[in-house]
Every structure is written in C-alpha cells, then in structure tokens.
Amino acid sequence: MAEEHVAAERLLVELLADSAVRSVRFVTGPLPVAVWLVVEDDEEARALRTRSDVDEIVSRALREAGLASRDVEGFRVVVQSEETVVRDYEGSWFYAMR
C-alpha cells in the first residue's frame, strides 16, 4: 500500500472513530480511488451511511495524506461491515470489493 494510503487510513480511522470505523481499504486503478470504510456490524454501517459529513471528512483526509488530485476530486465512499462480508461473501474482502 502506498504511503499516502497508509497516512489517509490513519487519519480516517481517527476522524471517524466516533462512527466505529475500524479500518480503511482503497481500490485504485484507472478510475479515481474508492475509499471503503470498514465497521464491525451492519447497524454501525447503517449509521455511518446517514452521516452528512463523511465525504467532506474523506476529502480532507485524502488531501492531507497527499493523494493525487484526481483521487481527491473524484473519490467515492463505500461503507461496509465485517458482518456483511462474513455473511454474504464467506469472509472474503476480495469478493466483497469486486
């Protein structure tokens, strides 16, 4: 994982700790970055999806971490719970993120 992603994950886990974000995963490629915010259970995921400030927080963290401007400007956020990955994807983040 790129240094910028590690720095962004640290910032996001800290900034979203009140919403139980445990870790962050990134999907990069030809499109702007997808930021996956990982929580423990489905209830936490539902609550995080209702927050109106998540995009602003993610944008700030990506900028502060030094990600490329195309990723900061075009990112998308996905909220996913460990509970859903275990139940629906047999515990595989690889399949959950496809």
C-alpha atoms as a PDB file:
ATOM      1  CA  MET A   1       0.000   0.000   0.000  1.00  0.00           C
ATOM      2  CA  ALA A   2       1.293   3.460  -0.863  1.00  0.00           C
ATOM      3  CA  GLU A   3       2.476   5.727   1.935  1.00  0.00           C
ATOM      4  CA  GLU A   4      -0.330   8.135   1.112  1.00  0.00           C
ATOM      5  CA  HIS A   5      -2.925   5.410   1.637  1.00  0.00           C
ATOM      6  CA  VAL A   6      -1.421   4.445   4.981  1.00  0.00           C
ATOM      7  CA  ALA A   7      -1.495   8.077   6.096  1.00  0.00           C
ATOM      8  CA  ALA A   8      -5.073   8.514   4.843  1.00  0.00           C
ATOM      9  CA  GLU A   9      -6.198   5.379   6.676  1.00  0.00           C
ATOM     10  CA  ARG A  10      -4.714   6.628   9.948  1.00  0.00           C
ATOM     11  CA  LEU A  11      -6.435   9.979   9.550  1.00  0.00           C
ATOM     12  CA  LEU A  12      -9.790   8.465   8.631  1.00  0.00           C
ATOM     13  CA  VAL A  13      -9.796   5.955  11.478  1.00  0.00           C
ATOM     14  CA  GLU A  14      -9.040   8.828  13.854  1.00  0.00           C
ATOM     15  CA  LEU A  15     -11.530  11.291  12.346  1.00  0.00           C
ATOM     16  CA  LEU A  16     -14.332   8.707  12.136  1.00  0.00           C
ATOM     17  CA  ALA A  17     -13.645   6.882  15.402  1.00  0.00           C
ATOM     18  CA  ASP A  18     -16.965   8.154  16.766  1.00  0.00           C
ATOM     19  CA  SER A  19     -18.648   6.152  13.974  1.00  0.00           C
ATOM     20  CA  ALA A  20     -16.716   2.966  14.785  1.00  0.00           C
ATOM     21  CA  VAL A  21     -14.562   2.947  11.626  1.00  0.00           C
ATOM     22  CA  ARG A  22     -12.008   0.192  12.270  1.00  0.00           C
ATOM     23  CA  SER A  23     -10.021   0.262   9.051  1.00  0.00           C
ATOM     24  CA  VAL A  24      -9.995   1.670   5.542  1.00  0.00           C
ATOM     25  CA  ARG A  25      -9.420  -0.104   2.249  1.00  0.00           C
ATOM     26  CA  PHE A  26      -8.641   1.543  -1.068  1.00  0.00           C
ATOM     27  CA  VAL A  27      -9.411   0.448  -4.604  1.00  0.00           C
ATOM     28  CA  THR A  28      -7.232   2.239  -7.111  1.00  0.00           C
ATOM     29  CA  GLY A  29      -6.824   1.973 -10.831  1.00  0.00           C
ATOM     30  CA  PRO A  30      -7.738   3.934 -13.917  1.00  0.00           C
ATOM     31  CA  LEU A  31     -10.724   5.457 -12.117  1.00  0.00           C
ATOM     32  CA  PRO A  32     -10.491   7.744  -9.085  1.00  0.00           C
ATOM     33  CA  VAL A  33      -9.943   5.992  -5.777  1.00  0.00           C
ATOM     34  CA  ALA A  34     -12.746   4.164  -3.968  1.00  0.00           C
ATOM     35  CA  VAL A  35     -12.488   4.516  -0.192  1.00  0.00           C
ATOM     36  CA  TRP A  36     -14.007   1.614   1.762  1.00  0.00           C
ATOM     37  CA  LEU A  37     -14.780   2.469   5.374  1.00  0.00           C
ATOM     38  CA  VAL A  38     -14.910  -0.718   7.451  1.00  0.00           C
ATOM     39  CA  VAL A  39     -17.034  -1.091  10.583  1.00  0.00           C
ATOM     40  CA  GLU A  40     -17.842  -4.142  12.712  1.00  0.00           C
ATOM     41  CA  ASP A  41     -21.572  -4.654  12.164  1.00  0.00           C
ATOM     42  CA  ASP A  42     -24.482  -3.741   9.913  1.00  0.00           C
ATOM     43  CA  GLU A  43     -26.008  -1.326  12.427  1.00  0.00           C
ATOM     44  CA  GLU A  44     -22.784   0.703  12.531  1.00  0.00           C
ATOM     45  CA  ALA A  45     -22.700   0.687   8.729  1.00  0.00           C
ATOM     46  CA  ARG A  46     -26.284   1.992   8.530  1.00  0.00           C
ATOM     47  CA  ALA A  47     -25.492   4.759  10.991  1.00  0.00           C
ATOM     48  CA  LEU A  48     -22.319   5.805   9.150  1.00  0.00           C
ATOM     49  CA  ARG A  49     -24.167   5.940   5.821  1.00  0.00           C
ATOM     50  CA  THR A  50     -26.534   8.552   7.284  1.00  0.00           C
ATOM     51  CA  ARG A  51     -23.760  10.968   8.259  1.00  0.00           C
ATOM     52  CA  SER A  52     -23.813  14.027   6.037  1.00  0.00           C
ATOM     53  CA  ASP A  53     -20.160  14.945   6.632  1.00  0.00           C
ATOM     54  CA  VAL A  54     -18.437  11.726   5.529  1.00  0.00           C
ATOM     55  CA  ASP A  55     -17.470  12.937   2.037  1.00  0.00           C
ATOM     56  CA  GLU A  56     -16.034  16.146   3.485  1.00  0.00           C
ATOM     57  CA  ILE A  57     -14.007  14.205   6.079  1.00  0.00           C
ATOM     58  CA  VAL A  58     -12.712  11.744   3.474  1.00  0.00           C
ATOM     59  CA  SER A  59     -11.778  14.564   1.106  1.00  0.00           C
ATOM     60  CA  ARG A  60      -9.854  16.383   3.839  1.00  0.00           C
ATOM     61  CA  ALA A  61      -8.010  13.198   4.869  1.00  0.00           C
ATOM     62  CA  LEU A  62      -7.067  12.338   1.275  1.00  0.00           C
ATOM     63  CA  ARG A  63      -5.702  15.858   0.703  1.00  0.00           C
ATOM     64  CA  GLU A  64      -3.780  15.879   3.985  1.00  0.00           C
ATOM     65  CA  ALA A  65      -2.303  12.454   3.194  1.00  0.00           C
ATOM     66  CA  GLY A  66      -1.042  13.701  -0.178  1.00  0.00           C
ATOM     67  CA  LEU A  67      -3.114  11.641  -2.603  1.00  0.00           C
ATOM     68  CA  ALA A  68      -3.198  12.722  -6.242  1.00  0.00           C
ATOM     69  CA  SER A  69      -5.658  15.491  -7.071  1.00  0.00           C
ATOM     70  CA  ARG A  70      -7.681  13.211  -9.395  1.00  0.00           C
ATOM     71  CA  ASP A  71      -8.278  10.863  -6.452  1.00  0.00           C
ATOM     72  CA  VAL A  72      -9.184  13.684  -4.092  1.00  0.00           C
ATOM     73  CA  GLU A  73     -11.588  15.228  -6.587  1.00  0.00           C
ATOM     74  CA  GLY A  74     -13.264  12.068  -7.864  1.00  0.00           C
ATOM     75  CA  PHE A  75     -13.245   9.626  -4.951  1.00  0.00           C
ATOM     76  CA  ARG A  76     -16.234   7.570  -3.915  1.00  0.00           C
ATOM     77  CA  VAL A  77     -17.014   6.179  -0.480  1.00  0.00           C
ATOM     78  CA  VAL A  78     -18.291   2.694   0.290  1.00  0.00           C
ATOM     79  CA  VAL A  79     -19.303   1.737   3.817  1.00  0.00           C
ATOM     80  CA  GLN A  80     -19.077  -1.977   4.554  1.00  0.00           C
ATOM     81  CA  SER A  81     -19.311  -4.067   7.695  1.00  0.00           C
ATOM     82  CA  GLU A  82     -17.302  -7.112   8.661  1.00  0.00           C
ATOM     83  CA  GLU A  83     -20.671  -8.709   9.468  1.00  0.00           C
ATOM     84  CA  THR A  84     -21.830  -8.369   5.855  1.00  0.00           C
ATOM     85  CA  VAL A  85     -18.553  -9.658   4.430  1.00  0.00           C
ATOM     86  CA  VAL A  86     -18.684 -12.742   6.640  1.00  0.00           C
ATOM     87  CA  ARG A  87     -22.371 -13.388   5.923  1.00  0.00           C
ATOM     88  CA  ASP A  88     -22.568 -12.566   2.205  1.00  0.00           C
ATOM     89  CA  TYR A  89     -19.031 -13.143   0.916  1.00  0.00           C
ATOM     90  CA  GLU A  90     -17.816 -16.036   3.083  1.00  0.00           C
ATOM     91  CA  GLY A  91     -15.441 -13.632   4.839  1.00  0.00           C
ATOM     92  CA  SER A  92     -13.616 -12.662   1.635  1.00  0.00           C
ATOM     93  CA  TRP A  93     -12.907  -8.978   1.177  1.00  0.00           C
ATOM     94  CA  PHE A  94     -11.616  -9.851  -2.288  1.00  0.00           C
ATOM     95  CA  TYR A  95     -15.120 -10.899  -3.370  1.00  0.00           C
ATOM     96  CA  ALA A  96     -16.863  -8.163  -1.403  1.00  0.00           C
ATOM     97  CA  MET A  97     -14.854  -5.440  -3.145  1.00  0.00           C
ATOM     98  CA  ARG A  98     -15.332  -6.732  -6.688  1.00  0.00           C
END
